Protein backbone atom coordinates (compact mmCIF):
# COMPACT_ATOMS: atom_id res chain seq x y z
CA MET A 1 -50.42 -140.15 -36.43
CA ILE A 2 -52.08 -143.44 -35.55
CA TYR A 3 -55.44 -143.25 -33.73
CA LYS A 4 -56.90 -146.30 -31.98
CA THR A 5 -60.68 -146.23 -32.67
CA SER A 6 -63.54 -147.17 -30.36
CA GLY A 7 -67.04 -148.44 -31.13
CA VAL A 8 -66.47 -149.15 -34.84
CA CYS A 9 -65.32 -152.03 -37.06
CA CYS A 10 -61.97 -150.50 -38.01
CA SER A 11 -59.29 -150.81 -35.32
CA GLU A 12 -57.24 -147.73 -36.13
CA ILE A 13 -56.92 -144.71 -38.42
CA SER A 14 -53.55 -143.44 -39.58
CA PHE A 15 -53.12 -140.08 -41.25
CA GLU A 16 -50.64 -137.43 -42.32
CA ILE A 17 -51.19 -133.70 -42.15
CA GLU A 18 -49.06 -130.93 -43.63
CA GLU A 19 -49.77 -127.24 -42.97
CA ASN A 20 -53.20 -128.13 -41.47
CA VAL A 21 -54.21 -130.00 -44.70
CA ILE A 22 -54.89 -133.72 -44.79
CA LYS A 23 -52.41 -135.50 -47.07
CA ASN A 24 -53.18 -139.17 -46.39
CA VAL A 25 -55.79 -141.27 -44.53
CA ASN A 26 -55.88 -145.03 -43.98
CA PHE A 27 -58.43 -147.10 -42.06
CA LYS A 28 -57.34 -150.53 -40.73
CA GLY A 29 -60.21 -152.95 -40.95
CA GLY A 30 -63.85 -152.05 -41.28
CA CYS A 31 -65.75 -151.53 -44.52
CA SER A 32 -63.03 -151.13 -47.12
CA GLY A 33 -65.20 -149.39 -49.68
CA ASN A 34 -66.48 -146.78 -47.21
CA ALA A 35 -63.03 -146.28 -45.79
CA ALA A 36 -61.51 -145.78 -49.22
CA GLY A 37 -64.31 -143.31 -50.12
CA ILE A 38 -63.83 -141.29 -46.98
CA SER A 39 -60.11 -141.23 -47.45
CA LYS A 40 -60.28 -139.94 -51.05
CA LEU A 41 -62.86 -137.30 -50.14
CA VAL A 42 -60.92 -135.74 -47.23
CA VAL A 43 -57.44 -135.70 -48.80
CA GLY A 44 -56.57 -132.06 -49.61
CA MET A 45 -59.13 -130.66 -47.07
CA PRO A 46 -58.28 -128.49 -44.12
CA VAL A 47 -58.47 -130.30 -40.77
CA ASP A 48 -61.20 -128.04 -39.39
CA ASP A 49 -63.43 -128.57 -42.43
CA VAL A 50 -63.20 -132.33 -42.08
CA ILE A 51 -64.03 -132.21 -38.36
CA SER A 52 -67.06 -130.03 -38.90
CA ARG A 53 -68.39 -132.23 -41.71
CA LEU A 54 -67.82 -135.64 -40.07
CA GLU A 55 -68.28 -135.03 -36.39
CA GLY A 56 -71.35 -136.75 -34.94
CA ILE A 57 -72.10 -139.10 -37.80
CA GLN A 58 -73.57 -142.33 -36.51
CA CYS A 59 -73.48 -145.85 -38.01
CA GLY A 60 -76.80 -147.61 -37.56
CA TYR A 61 -77.47 -148.16 -33.85
CA LYS A 62 -73.94 -147.16 -32.78
CA SER A 63 -73.26 -143.78 -31.25
CA THR A 64 -70.26 -143.24 -33.58
CA SER A 65 -68.93 -144.22 -37.04
CA CYS A 66 -65.65 -144.36 -38.89
CA PRO A 67 -66.19 -140.75 -40.10
CA ASP A 68 -66.89 -139.63 -36.54
CA GLN A 69 -63.83 -141.48 -35.29
CA LEU A 70 -61.74 -139.65 -37.89
CA SER A 71 -63.09 -136.32 -36.55
CA LYS A 72 -62.08 -137.41 -32.99
CA ALA A 73 -58.61 -138.40 -34.23
CA LEU A 74 -58.16 -135.04 -35.94
CA LYS A 75 -59.27 -133.21 -32.76
CA GLU A 76 -56.71 -135.19 -30.79
CA TRP A 77 -54.04 -134.25 -33.37
CA ARG A 78 -54.90 -130.52 -32.93
CA ARG A 79 -54.08 -130.72 -29.17
């Protein structure tokens, strides 16, 4: 799935899920080190665990962050 982000530096997040487990995550744009770190940490985790850990994280003065946007993307995938 490809999710168009809002309010963050990266423009989109693409990911693959098999049997409710995250298999791959890629952030387009944004802070490459942070995006790579988030991607490596969440691969192999159940979708609901990732949502509960990342939802609501803010980046500085922004009301969202790349991790929060990933949680929103995963919630959209669940629908």
